[in-house]
């Protein structure tokens, strides 16, 4: 699969393995989750045998695999090893089916993708050729992916494995890829046998489908293309522009290629070096009078459902932050909630949220992107006794990000309307650099860490709690500050217009 991503990565895997970077905390979390899912999936075949040889002991794993598949009493083999033309694989699940085999790759996802099919196709091809090389036939009754069933609802007691997992059968697709896999192996051997690395420039492939472990060591981290800062450019149009020899923002502006309003504002902003504010911003802000709320949620999505009534990889809100602006001349009031127990957070969080947001039942509630709306809709579905009150909250939501995207562009946005980019551009001196937890993915992982560690170390859990509280609070604090900046921009625009 390294070759499928990048020939240089494959070469580095062989020649510079010691230069690989340690996986990021997020990547390690995903690896660990995948391992746990793979181990649980083995229980689908209770009579199976695990090949216990370590991954570095491939010869031992091959030997143990051949013994297991030669024993007709072994109904399934876990982590079997095969090798063909120096291509080594360890499979997840190999189940006996009469004189044939079923080969299953376990993935901790709800929706299998083409890259997963290629992964299991490589394993099937290597297994088949490996057995044929020692005079054995290898027939497959099935090849596929065992993955998580997003529709499964946990009963809170034991996992019903036959429902927790689904099987995505891809026998024909995998076998149809045999020539492709054979060619990949040939090309891979040519690459690794060379003493010189392939001449590959860094680019988007460095992160697709996975982040390359050699970025920042043997491979330089690619600089984003200048045109990638054009709002809404997309990879397809970006490549088309590059193919047309349009390489810079100056080229883009000179040829009048801006289509959307945001792109046109970007061009004007870059030409003047100033923030562009549309007259429509005044009307947009006029529709959000005081008092008004600013709302942000943090969610986590356990790979395996953790609480009764939840599903695999279901996002559950565990924290909210609200800032209430009563008037222009008073500091915003902060309210929040962070669920500290290892229990389903949705009901207590919703109860606390409604107590805050119903203080001013007609006040607008600003969010940043529609994510908060989605969280609220899912809460209404999960908690029908609160549904009507939640729906009354939803109709009051206003998307601050959309207001900015439709009316404002600052050169320092660099094509992004993320609050992380908008905030320091519109409110210099306020950002996220002073926070240890400064993004949603980290917040999710640290929350899981907190509720686990709280069972044995309450002091350590409290430290994480405080860092989570500070991060979520910063999000709504940022929205308040951005609103003040936008209001000031409208006043300046009005002043200039009246001169």
Protein backbone atom coordinates (compact mmCIF):
# COMPACT_ATOMS: atom_id res chain seq x y z
CA UNK A 1 0.00 0.00 0.00
CA UNK A 2 3.00 2.33 0.45
CA UNK A 3 3.61 2.17 -3.32
CA UNK A 4 -0.04 2.99 -3.97
CA UNK A 5 0.47 6.23 -2.07
CA UNK A 6 3.92 7.20 -3.28
CA UNK A 7 6.95 5.38 -4.78
CA UNK A 8 9.28 7.49 -2.63
CA UNK A 9 7.51 6.36 0.52
CA UNK A 10 8.05 2.71 -0.47
CA UNK A 11 11.74 3.35 -1.13
CA UNK A 12 12.08 5.05 2.24
CA UNK A 13 10.31 2.17 3.99
CA UNK A 14 13.14 -0.13 2.78
CA UNK A 15 16.21 2.11 2.75
CA UNK A 16 15.50 4.70 5.46
CA UNK A 17 13.17 2.96 7.84
CA UNK A 18 14.94 4.44 10.85
CA UNK A 19 14.05 7.94 9.61
CA UNK A 20 10.31 7.37 9.91
CA UNK A 21 8.63 9.84 12.25
CA UNK A 22 6.69 8.69 15.27
CA UNK A 23 2.95 8.73 14.50
CA UNK A 24 1.01 11.75 15.69
CA UNK A 25 -1.24 11.27 18.74
CA UNK A 26 -4.26 11.23 16.41
CA UNK A 27 -2.66 8.61 14.16
CA UNK A 28 -1.62 6.48 17.13
CA UNK A 29 -5.16 6.68 18.50
CA UNK A 30 -6.52 5.39 15.19
CA UNK A 31 -3.92 2.60 15.06
CA UNK A 32 -4.78 1.50 18.59
CA UNK A 33 -8.49 1.64 17.85
CA UNK A 34 -7.99 -0.46 14.73
CA UNK A 35 -6.05 -3.05 16.72
CA UNK A 36 -8.84 -3.28 19.29
CA UNK A 37 -11.48 -3.70 16.58
CA UNK A 38 -9.40 -6.42 14.90
CA UNK A 39 -9.07 -8.34 18.15
CA UNK A 40 -12.81 -8.11 18.81
CA UNK A 41 -13.64 -9.30 15.29
CA UNK A 42 -11.77 -12.54 15.96
CA UNK A 43 -14.61 -13.51 18.29
CA UNK A 44 -16.74 -13.98 15.17
CA UNK A 45 -14.74 -17.22 14.79
CA UNK A 46 -14.39 -18.64 18.30
CA UNK A 47 -12.58 -21.77 17.05
CA UNK A 48 -9.85 -19.79 15.33
CA UNK A 49 -6.12 -19.94 15.99
CA UNK A 50 -3.95 -16.84 16.41
CA UNK A 51 -0.52 -16.78 14.77
CA UNK A 52 1.37 -15.32 17.69
CA UNK A 53 4.73 -14.66 16.04
CA UNK A 54 5.67 -10.99 16.17
CA UNK A 55 5.58 -8.95 12.98
CA UNK A 56 9.37 -8.84 12.83
CA UNK A 57 9.48 -12.67 12.99
CA UNK A 58 8.07 -13.28 9.53
CA UNK A 59 9.74 -16.66 9.10
CA UNK A 60 8.19 -17.89 12.34
CA UNK A 61 4.81 -16.54 11.30
CA UNK A 62 5.06 -18.31 7.93
CA UNK A 63 5.89 -21.59 9.62
CA UNK A 64 3.02 -21.32 12.10
CA UNK A 65 0.61 -20.30 9.35
CA UNK A 66 1.41 -23.35 7.22
CA UNK A 67 0.87 -25.59 10.24
CA UNK A 68 -2.49 -23.99 10.98
CA UNK A 69 -3.90 -24.18 7.46
CA UNK A 70 -2.72 -27.79 7.15
CA UNK A 71 -4.76 -28.73 10.24
CA UNK A 72 -8.39 -29.29 9.21
CA UNK A 73 -9.54 -28.86 12.82
CA UNK A 74 -8.54 -25.18 12.69
CA UNK A 75 -11.66 -23.38 11.55
CA UNK A 76 -10.04 -19.97 11.18
CA UNK A 77 -6.58 -18.40 11.34
CA UNK A 78 -5.90 -14.95 12.75
CA UNK A 79 -2.91 -12.92 11.57
CA UNK A 80 -1.71 -15.56 9.04
CA UNK A 81 1.48 -14.67 7.16
CA UNK A 82 2.24 -15.10 3.46
CA UNK A 83 5.01 -14.03 1.12
CA UNK A 84 5.38 -13.82 -2.65
CA UNK A 85 8.17 -12.11 -4.55
CA UNK A 86 9.47 -10.47 -1.37
CA UNK A 87 6.02 -9.02 -0.67
CA UNK A 88 5.02 -9.93 2.88
CA UNK A 89 1.50 -9.72 4.28
CA UNK A 90 -0.24 -10.48 7.56
CA UNK A 91 -3.98 -10.94 7.09
CA UNK A 92 -6.68 -10.32 9.70
CA UNK A 93 -9.12 -13.23 9.36
CA UNK A 94 -8.79 -16.38 7.28
CA UNK A 95 -11.77 -18.71 7.65
CA UNK A 96 -11.93 -22.27 6.32
CA UNK A 97 -14.84 -23.01 3.99
CA UNK A 98 -14.62 -26.67 3.01
CA UNK A 99 -11.65 -26.91 0.65
CA UNK A 100 -11.70 -23.17 0.09
CA UNK A 101 -11.06 -20.03 2.11
CA UNK A 102 -12.75 -16.82 3.12
CA UNK A 103 -10.35 -13.91 3.54
CA UNK A 104 -11.51 -10.92 5.57
CA UNK A 105 -9.73 -7.66 6.31
CA UNK A 106 -11.05 -5.84 9.41
CA UNK A 107 -11.50 -2.08 9.19
CA UNK A 108 -12.63 0.26 11.96
CA UNK A 109 -14.86 2.26 9.59
CA UNK A 110 -18.56 2.30 8.82
CA UNK A 111 -18.21 2.73 5.06
CA UNK A 112 -15.52 0.75 3.20
CA UNK A 113 -13.65 2.55 0.43
CA UNK A 114 -11.77 1.52 -2.71
CA UNK A 115 -8.44 1.72 -0.87
CA UNK A 116 -9.68 -0.96 1.53
CA UNK A 117 -10.66 -3.23 -1.36
CA UNK A 118 -7.17 -2.83 -2.85
CA UNK A 119 -5.67 -3.69 0.54
CA UNK A 120 -7.50 -7.03 0.79
CA UNK A 121 -6.90 -7.71 -2.92
CA UNK A 122 -3.13 -7.48 -2.33
CA UNK A 123 -3.42 -9.92 0.57
CA UNK A 124 -5.50 -12.37 -1.47
CA UNK A 125 -3.06 -12.29 -4.37
CA UNK A 126 0.01 -12.81 -2.17
CA UNK A 127 -1.71 -15.62 -0.26
CA UNK A 128 -2.75 -17.38 -3.45
CA UNK A 129 0.68 -17.13 -5.06
CA UNK A 130 2.42 -18.07 -1.80
CA UNK A 131 0.46 -21.30 -1.48
CA UNK A 132 0.80 -22.13 -5.18
CA UNK A 133 4.57 -21.74 -4.88
CA UNK A 134 4.63 -24.71 -2.48
CA UNK A 135 2.28 -26.84 -4.57
CA UNK A 136 -0.98 -26.04 -2.83
CA UNK A 137 -4.14 -24.80 -4.46
CA UNK A 138 -5.87 -21.72 -3.11
CA UNK A 139 -9.53 -21.15 -3.87
CA UNK A 140 -11.57 -18.37 -2.34
CA UNK A 141 -15.22 -18.71 -1.47
CA UNK A 142 -15.22 -15.10 -0.38
CA UNK A 143 -12.97 -12.06 -0.01
CA UNK A 144 -14.12 -8.97 1.77
CA UNK A 145 -14.04 -6.45 4.54
CA UNK A 146 -15.40 -6.79 8.05
CA UNK A 147 -16.39 -3.30 9.18
CA UNK A 148 -18.50 -1.57 11.78
CA UNK A 149 -22.26 -1.37 11.32
CA UNK A 150 -23.32 2.24 11.79
CA UNK A 151 -26.93 1.14 12.35
CA UNK A 152 -26.09 -1.10 15.29
CA UNK A 153 -27.41 0.19 18.62
CA UNK A 154 -25.60 -1.00 21.73
CA UNK A 155 -27.75 -2.41 24.52
CA UNK A 156 -25.31 -1.30 27.19
CA UNK A 157 -24.39 -4.84 28.26
CA UNK A 158 -22.58 -6.99 25.70
CA UNK A 159 -21.79 -6.44 22.04
CA UNK A 160 -23.85 -8.52 19.65
CA UNK A 161 -20.99 -9.19 17.26
CA UNK A 162 -23.11 -10.48 14.39
CA UNK A 163 -24.84 -7.09 14.35
CA UNK A 164 -21.95 -4.89 15.44
CA UNK A 165 -19.98 -5.98 12.38
CA UNK A 166 -21.02 -6.06 8.74
CA UNK A 167 -19.35 -7.87 5.89
CA UNK A 168 -18.64 -6.11 2.63
CA UNK A 169 -18.11 -8.85 0.07
CA UNK A 170 -15.77 -7.98 -2.80
CA UNK A 171 -14.64 -11.37 -4.17
CA UNK A 172 -14.99 -10.44 -7.84
CA UNK A 173 -13.51 -6.97 -7.38
CA UNK A 174 -10.49 -8.35 -5.53
CA UNK A 175 -9.84 -11.09 -8.09
CA UNK A 176 -10.23 -8.60 -10.93
CA UNK A 177 -7.35 -6.64 -9.40
CA UNK A 178 -4.86 -9.53 -9.66
CA UNK A 179 -3.07 -8.11 -12.72
CA UNK A 180 -2.98 -4.67 -11.11
CA UNK A 181 -1.47 -6.13 -7.94
CA UNK A 182 1.09 -8.16 -9.90
CA UNK A 183 2.17 -5.03 -11.76
CA UNK A 184 2.38 -3.11 -8.47
CA UNK A 185 4.71 -5.77 -7.05
CA UNK A 186 6.91 -5.64 -10.16
CA UNK A 187 7.09 -1.86 -9.98
CA UNK A 188 7.68 -1.95 -6.24
CA UNK A 189 10.63 -4.33 -6.59
CA UNK A 190 12.14 -2.12 -9.28
CA UNK A 191 11.91 0.86 -6.95
CA UNK A 192 13.34 -0.77 -3.83
CA UNK A 193 16.17 -2.44 -5.77
CA UNK A 194 17.39 0.94 -6.94
CA UNK A 195 20.12 2.57 -4.88
CA UNK A 196 18.67 5.98 -5.64
CA UNK A 197 15.30 7.24 -4.41
CA UNK A 198 12.68 8.07 -7.03
CA UNK A 199 12.44 11.74 -7.90
CA UNK A 200 9.03 12.58 -6.45
CA UNK A 201 8.02 16.12 -5.56
CA UNK A 202 5.97 16.52 -2.38
CA UNK A 203 2.29 17.25 -2.84
CA UNK A 204 -1.24 16.33 -1.80
CA UNK A 205 -0.37 12.62 -1.99
CA UNK A 206 1.81 13.08 1.10
CA UNK A 207 -1.41 13.01 3.15
CA UNK A 208 -3.56 10.75 0.95
CA UNK A 209 -4.79 8.25 1.94
CA UNK A 210 -2.51 8.50 5.01
CA UNK A 211 0.06 10.96 6.30
CA UNK A 212 3.52 9.87 5.19
CA UNK A 213 5.77 9.00 8.17
CA UNK A 214 8.80 10.44 6.36
CA UNK A 215 7.50 14.00 6.13
CA UNK A 216 9.93 16.30 7.86
CA UNK A 217 12.79 13.78 7.84
CA UNK A 218 13.82 12.36 4.47
CA UNK A 219 11.00 14.23 2.71
CA UNK A 220 10.43 17.94 2.95
CA UNK A 221 6.99 19.07 3.99
CA UNK A 222 5.31 20.41 0.85
CA UNK A 223 4.42 24.06 0.68
CA UNK A 224 0.77 24.62 -0.24
CA UNK A 225 0.33 25.88 -3.77
CA UNK A 226 -0.30 29.61 -3.87
CA UNK A 227 -3.65 29.12 -5.58
CA UNK A 228 -4.82 26.74 -2.87
CA UNK A 229 -5.63 29.84 -0.80
CA UNK A 230 -8.40 30.79 -3.24
CA UNK A 231 -11.70 30.22 -1.39
CA UNK A 232 -13.54 27.14 -2.65
CA UNK A 233 -10.94 26.38 -5.32
CA UNK A 234 -11.06 22.59 -4.92
CA UNK A 235 -8.35 20.17 -6.10
CA UNK A 236 -9.86 19.62 -9.57
CA UNK A 237 -10.04 23.29 -10.50
CA UNK A 238 -6.64 23.94 -8.92
CA UNK A 239 -5.05 21.33 -11.18
CA UNK A 240 -6.88 22.72 -14.19
CA UNK A 241 -5.51 26.19 -13.49
CA UNK A 242 -1.99 24.82 -13.06
CA UNK A 243 -2.33 22.97 -16.37
CA UNK A 244 -3.26 26.31 -17.95
CA UNK A 245 -0.01 27.84 -16.56
CA UNK A 246 -1.89 29.94 -14.04
CA UNK A 247 0.47 29.62 -11.09
CA UNK A 248 0.02 32.69 -8.90
CA UNK A 249 -2.72 34.75 -7.32
CA UNK A 250 -1.60 37.62 -9.53
CA UNK A 251 -2.26 35.44 -12.61
CA UNK A 252 -5.65 34.48 -11.17
CA UNK A 253 -6.61 38.12 -10.60
CA UNK A 254 -5.21 39.39 -13.90
CA UNK A 255 -7.27 36.94 -15.94
CA UNK A 256 -10.52 37.68 -14.04
CA UNK A 257 -10.97 34.05 -13.02
CA UNK A 258 -12.81 34.73 -9.76
CA UNK A 259 -16.27 33.20 -9.87
CA UNK A 260 -17.85 33.34 -6.43
CA UNK A 261 -18.37 36.40 -4.30
CA UNK A 262 -15.75 35.16 -1.84
CA UNK A 263 -13.19 34.79 -4.64
CA UNK A 264 -13.94 38.28 -5.95
CA UNK A 265 -13.55 39.73 -2.45
CA UNK A 266 -10.25 37.87 -2.11
CA UNK A 267 -8.96 39.46 -5.32
CA UNK A 268 -10.00 42.94 -4.16
CA UNK A 269 -8.42 42.34 -0.76
CA UNK A 270 -5.13 41.20 -2.23
CA UNK A 271 -5.04 44.13 -4.65
CA UNK A 272 -5.62 46.70 -1.88
CA UNK A 273 -3.94 44.84 0.97
CA UNK A 274 -6.96 45.67 3.13
CA UNK A 275 -9.98 43.93 4.57
CA UNK A 276 -12.95 44.00 2.19
CA UNK A 277 -16.36 44.50 3.80
CA UNK A 278 -19.58 44.36 1.80
CA UNK A 279 -22.46 46.76 2.57
CA UNK A 280 -24.65 43.72 3.21
CA UNK A 281 -22.79 43.04 6.46
CA UNK A 282 -24.70 45.86 8.15
CA UNK A 283 -28.05 44.24 7.41
CA UNK A 284 -26.78 40.85 8.51
CA UNK A 285 -25.61 42.18 11.88
CA UNK A 286 -28.74 44.29 12.34
CA UNK A 287 -30.73 41.04 12.42
CA UNK A 288 -28.78 39.85 15.49
CA UNK A 289 -29.68 42.31 18.26
CA UNK A 290 -28.82 42.09 21.96
CA UNK A 291 -29.17 39.94 23.95
CA UNK A 292 -27.55 37.21 21.87
CA UNK A 293 -25.84 33.90 22.51
CA UNK A 294 -22.68 32.31 21.11
CA UNK A 295 -22.70 28.49 21.20
CA UNK A 296 -20.04 25.83 20.67
CA UNK A 297 -20.06 22.07 21.26
CA UNK A 298 -17.25 19.57 21.66
CA UNK A 299 -17.99 15.98 20.73
CA UNK A 300 -16.28 12.61 20.84
CA UNK A 301 -17.03 9.53 18.77
CA UNK A 302 -15.98 6.24 20.39
CA UNK A 303 -15.07 3.67 17.74
CA UNK A 304 -17.00 1.08 19.75
CA UNK A 305 -20.27 2.28 21.30
CA UNK A 306 -19.65 3.07 24.94
CA UNK A 307 -23.16 3.69 26.25
CA UNK A 308 -26.58 2.10 25.80
CA UNK A 309 -28.48 3.53 22.86
CA UNK A 310 -25.39 4.61 20.93
CA UNK A 311 -23.77 3.31 17.76
CA UNK A 312 -20.22 2.85 16.45
CA UNK A 313 -18.38 6.11 15.74
CA UNK A 314 -21.41 8.14 16.80
CA UNK A 315 -20.55 11.71 17.75
CA UNK A 316 -21.72 12.52 21.27
CA UNK A 317 -21.55 16.04 22.70
CA UNK A 318 -19.74 16.08 26.03
CA UNK A 319 -19.22 19.83 26.43
CA UNK A 320 -20.71 23.16 25.51
CA UNK A 321 -19.63 26.75 25.92
CA UNK A 322 -21.99 29.70 25.73
CA UNK A 323 -21.21 33.41 25.87
CA UNK A 324 -24.16 35.74 26.39
CA UNK A 325 -23.88 39.32 25.17
CA UNK A 326 -26.41 41.48 27.03
CA UNK A 327 -25.34 44.78 25.47
CA UNK A 328 -22.47 46.41 23.62
CA UNK A 329 -21.02 48.00 26.76
CA UNK A 330 -21.08 45.01 29.11
CA UNK A 331 -18.65 42.07 29.16
CA UNK A 332 -20.13 38.85 27.79
CA UNK A 333 -21.28 36.36 30.40
CA UNK A 334 -19.85 32.84 30.15
CA UNK A 335 -21.74 29.62 30.87
CA UNK A 336 -20.64 26.08 30.15
CA UNK A 337 -20.87 22.39 30.89
CA UNK A 338 -18.30 19.60 30.72
CA UNK A 339 -19.48 16.07 31.52
CA UNK A 340 -16.92 14.53 33.86
CA UNK A 341 -18.32 11.02 34.34
CA UNK A 342 -18.01 7.93 32.16
CA UNK A 343 -21.73 7.92 31.41
CA UNK A 344 -23.82 9.02 28.46
CA UNK A 345 -23.40 12.82 28.50
CA UNK A 346 -26.34 13.74 26.27
CA UNK A 347 -29.21 14.08 28.76
CA UNK A 348 -27.40 16.06 31.49
CA UNK A 349 -25.72 18.25 28.88
CA UNK A 350 -29.06 18.98 27.19
CA UNK A 351 -30.69 19.82 30.51
CA UNK A 352 -27.94 22.32 31.33
CA UNK A 353 -27.94 23.76 27.82
CA UNK A 354 -31.67 24.43 27.79
CA UNK A 355 -31.44 26.12 31.19
CA UNK A 356 -28.99 28.60 29.66
CA UNK A 357 -30.50 29.14 26.21
CA UNK A 358 -34.08 29.49 27.45
CA UNK A 359 -33.25 32.50 29.66
CA UNK A 360 -33.88 34.73 26.62
CA UNK A 361 -36.28 32.67 24.49
CA UNK A 362 -36.26 35.00 21.48
CA UNK A 363 -32.54 35.79 21.42
CA UNK A 364 -30.45 34.72 18.42
CA UNK A 365 -27.89 31.95 18.97
CA UNK A 366 -24.74 32.30 16.92
CA UNK A 367 -22.82 29.21 15.87
CA UNK A 368 -19.75 28.89 13.68
CA UNK A 369 -20.64 26.56 10.76
CA UNK A 370 -23.76 24.34 10.91
CA UNK A 371 -22.12 21.68 13.09
CA UNK A 372 -23.96 22.86 16.22
CA UNK A 373 -27.25 22.56 14.34
CA UNK A 374 -26.45 18.95 13.47
CA UNK A 375 -25.57 18.16 17.09
CA UNK A 376 -28.86 19.66 18.27
CA UNK A 377 -30.88 17.72 15.70
CA UNK A 378 -29.25 14.47 16.83
CA UNK A 379 -30.00 15.35 20.46
CA UNK A 380 -33.65 15.94 19.57
CA UNK A 381 -33.80 12.49 17.98
CA UNK A 382 -32.07 10.78 20.90
CA UNK A 383 -34.09 12.59 23.57
CA UNK A 384 -37.69 12.82 22.34
CA UNK A 385 -38.90 14.28 25.64
CA UNK A 386 -36.68 17.31 24.95
CA UNK A 387 -37.33 17.40 21.18
CA UNK A 388 -39.81 20.30 21.08
CA UNK A 389 -37.62 22.50 23.26
CA UNK A 390 -34.54 21.65 21.20
CA UNK A 391 -36.41 22.49 17.99
CA UNK A 392 -37.22 25.90 19.48
CA UNK A 393 -33.48 26.37 19.95
CA UNK A 394 -32.63 25.27 16.41
CA UNK A 395 -34.86 27.90 14.75
CA UNK A 396 -32.89 30.62 16.58
CA UNK A 397 -29.50 29.58 15.20
CA UNK A 398 -27.47 31.97 13.05
CA UNK A 399 -24.30 30.89 11.24
CA UNK A 400 -21.60 33.49 11.87
CA UNK A 401 -19.22 31.76 9.46
CA UNK A 402 -21.73 32.16 6.62
CA UNK A 403 -22.11 35.87 7.40
CA UNK A 404 -18.35 36.34 7.17
CA UNK A 405 -18.00 34.22 4.03
CA UNK A 406 -20.74 36.23 2.30
CA UNK A 407 -19.53 39.68 3.32
CA UNK A 408 -15.91 39.84 4.49
CA UNK A 409 -12.43 38.94 3.30
CA UNK A 410 -9.11 39.76 4.96
CA UNK A 411 -5.74 39.05 3.32
CA UNK A 412 -4.72 37.01 6.37
CA UNK A 413 -7.65 34.61 5.91
CA UNK A 414 -5.46 32.90 3.28
CA UNK A 415 -8.53 31.38 1.68
CA UNK A 416 -9.88 29.86 4.89
CA UNK A 417 -12.96 30.85 6.87
CA UNK A 418 -12.10 28.63 9.82
CA UNK A 419 -12.40 30.43 13.14
CA UNK A 420 -8.73 29.54 13.71
CA UNK A 421 -7.80 31.74 10.71
CA UNK A 422 -10.51 34.39 10.93
CA UNK A 423 -9.90 35.20 14.61
CA UNK A 424 -6.24 36.36 14.46
CA UNK A 425 -6.93 38.24 11.22
CA UNK A 426 -9.87 40.23 12.60
CA UNK A 427 -8.78 40.31 16.26
CA UNK A 428 -4.96 40.52 16.38
CA UNK A 429 -3.53 39.16 19.60
CA UNK A 430 -6.30 36.64 20.22
CA UNK A 431 -5.85 33.08 19.01
CA UNK A 432 -5.28 29.51 20.14
CA UNK A 433 -1.50 29.33 20.40
CA UNK A 434 -1.54 29.66 24.18
CA UNK A 435 -3.76 26.57 24.63
CA UNK A 436 -2.46 23.02 25.02
CA UNK A 437 -5.72 21.67 23.59
CA UNK A 438 -6.38 23.75 20.48
CA UNK A 439 -8.41 21.62 18.07
CA UNK A 440 -11.44 19.37 18.13
CA UNK A 441 -9.62 16.10 17.41
CA UNK A 442 -7.26 16.62 20.32
CA UNK A 443 -10.17 17.59 22.55
CA UNK A 444 -11.97 14.33 21.69
CA UNK A 445 -8.92 12.20 22.46
CA UNK A 446 -8.13 14.02 25.68
CA UNK A 447 -11.74 13.69 26.83
CA UNK A 448 -11.56 9.92 26.42
CA UNK A 449 -8.30 9.98 28.32
CA UNK A 450 -9.91 12.05 31.07
CA UNK A 451 -12.89 9.79 31.73
CA UNK A 452 -10.63 6.74 31.74
CA UNK A 453 -7.95 8.18 34.00
CA UNK A 454 -10.50 9.67 36.40
CA UNK A 455 -11.13 6.16 37.76
CA UNK A 456 -7.59 6.01 39.17
CA UNK A 457 -6.18 9.55 39.23
CA UNK A 458 -8.66 12.34 39.90
CA UNK A 459 -5.93 15.01 39.99
CA UNK A 460 -4.71 14.14 36.49
CA UNK A 461 -8.29 14.05 35.25
CA UNK A 462 -8.91 17.51 36.70
CA UNK A 463 -5.95 18.94 34.80
CA UNK A 464 -7.37 17.64 31.53
CA UNK A 465 -10.81 18.98 32.51
CA UNK A 466 -9.40 22.48 32.94
CA UNK A 467 -7.65 22.36 29.56
CA UNK A 468 -10.82 21.19 27.83
CA UNK A 469 -12.80 23.93 29.55
CA UNK A 470 -10.32 26.58 28.38
CA UNK A 471 -10.44 25.37 24.76
CA UNK A 472 -14.22 25.29 24.38
CA UNK A 473 -14.52 28.62 26.17
CA UNK A 474 -12.04 30.14 23.71
CA UNK A 475 -14.26 29.16 20.78
CA UNK A 476 -17.22 31.23 21.98
CA UNK A 477 -14.94 33.96 23.30
CA UNK A 478 -13.57 34.12 19.77
CA UNK A 479 -17.05 34.52 18.30
CA UNK A 480 -17.79 37.42 20.65
CA UNK A 481 -14.55 39.13 19.67
CA UNK A 482 -15.18 38.58 15.96
CA UNK A 483 -18.69 40.05 16.28
CA UNK A 484 -17.24 43.15 17.93
CA UNK A 485 -14.71 43.47 15.11
CA UNK A 486 -17.43 43.12 12.46
CA UNK A 487 -19.57 45.72 14.22
CA UNK A 488 -16.64 48.13 14.23
CA UNK A 489 -16.07 47.46 10.52
CA UNK A 490 -19.71 48.30 9.79
CA UNK A 491 -19.40 51.56 11.73
CA UNK A 492 -16.28 52.48 9.74
CA UNK A 493 -17.99 51.61 6.46
CA UNK A 494 -21.03 53.68 7.42
CA UNK A 495 -18.80 56.60 8.40
CA UNK A 496 -17.02 56.54 5.07
CA UNK A 497 -20.28 56.28 3.20
CA UNK A 498 -21.69 59.34 5.00
CA UNK A 499 -18.63 61.50 4.33
